[in-house]
Protein backbone atom coordinates (compact mmCIF):
# COMPACT_ATOMS: atom_id res chain seq x y z
CA MET A 1 0.00 0.00 0.00
CA LYS A 2 1.32 3.43 -0.97
CA GLU A 3 1.98 6.04 1.72
CA PRO A 4 -0.28 9.09 1.39
CA ASP A 5 1.25 12.24 -0.06
CA ILE A 6 2.01 15.01 2.45
CA HIS A 7 -0.74 17.18 0.92
CA GLU A 8 -3.23 14.33 1.22
CA LYS A 9 -2.30 13.73 4.84
CA TYR A 10 -2.10 17.30 6.17
CA GLY A 11 -3.85 19.34 3.48
CA LYS A 12 -2.48 22.18 1.43
CA ASN A 13 -0.55 24.97 3.16
CA ILE A 14 -2.61 28.15 3.39
CA ARG A 15 -1.28 31.30 5.04
CA ILE A 16 -3.50 33.89 6.67
CA ALA A 17 -2.20 37.21 8.01
CA PHE A 18 -3.99 39.67 10.25
CA ARG A 19 -3.09 42.55 12.54
CA ILE A 20 -3.69 42.55 16.27
CA SER A 21 -3.41 45.25 18.90
CA GLN A 22 -0.55 45.42 21.39
CA ASN A 23 -2.93 44.33 24.16
CA ALA A 24 -4.00 41.26 22.16
CA LYS A 25 -0.34 40.45 21.43
CA ASP A 26 0.54 40.58 25.13
CA GLN A 27 -2.40 38.31 26.03
CA LEU A 28 -1.48 35.89 23.23
CA GLU A 29 2.12 35.64 24.45
CA ARG A 30 1.01 35.03 28.05
CA VAL A 31 -1.34 32.22 27.00
CA ALA A 32 1.35 30.73 24.74
CA ASP A 33 3.82 30.64 27.65
CA LEU A 34 1.20 29.08 29.88
CA PHE A 35 0.68 26.16 27.47
CA GLN A 36 4.30 26.07 26.21
CA LEU A 37 3.23 26.84 22.64
CA GLU A 38 4.13 29.40 20.03
CA PRO A 39 1.74 32.39 19.80
CA SER A 40 0.83 31.34 16.26
CA GLN A 41 -0.28 27.90 17.52
CA VAL A 42 -2.52 29.51 20.14
CA ALA A 43 -4.04 31.87 17.54
CA LYS A 44 -4.73 28.92 15.24
CA ALA A 45 -6.40 26.98 18.07
CA ILE A 46 -8.61 29.97 18.94
CA ILE A 47 -9.66 30.42 15.31
CA TYR A 48 -10.48 26.71 14.99
CA MET A 49 -12.43 26.80 18.25
CA HIS A 50 -14.58 29.72 17.11
CA LEU A 51 -15.17 28.15 13.69
CA GLY A 52 -16.21 24.88 15.31
CA VAL A 53 -13.60 22.93 13.36
CA PHE A 54 -11.67 20.09 14.93
CA GLU A 55 -8.31 19.25 13.40
CA PRO A 56 -5.80 16.83 14.88
CA ILE A 57 -2.73 18.51 16.36
CA ASP A 58 0.20 18.64 13.99
CA GLN A 59 2.94 16.62 15.69
CA ARG A 60 5.72 17.92 13.44
CA ARG A 61 7.47 20.27 15.88
CA ARG A 62 10.61 21.47 14.14
CA SER A 63 11.68 23.96 16.81
CA TRP A 64 10.67 21.91 19.85
CA ARG A 65 14.16 21.46 21.31
CA LYS A 66 15.18 25.05 20.66
CA SER A 67 12.02 26.48 22.21
CA LYS A 68 12.29 24.13 25.22
CA LYS A 69 15.71 25.58 26.07
CA LYS A 70 14.48 29.11 25.43
CA ARG A 71 11.44 28.69 27.68
CA LYS A 72 13.28 26.86 30.45
CA GLY A 73 13.46 29.92 32.73
CA THR A 74 9.90 31.15 32.14
CA TYR A 75 8.19 29.03 34.79
CA LEU A 76 6.99 30.66 37.97
CA ARG A 77 8.50 29.16 41.09
CA GLU A 78 6.85 29.43 44.46
């Protein structure tokens, strides 16, 4: 059996750009740090939630190790 093509498996890449206020950017960054995600991943999840669309999470995390080191000191310690 032939493996599915990347476009068949994940769909075609579509880019969407929009502007947000500084307040929205700050909130987005705080939520992203809370869930250890990139701000773009949080924005995508919010858009999907409001559209009522469920898509499986893309497990291809290219910058996972780099972002893990970068975010290492961002946790709050009590």
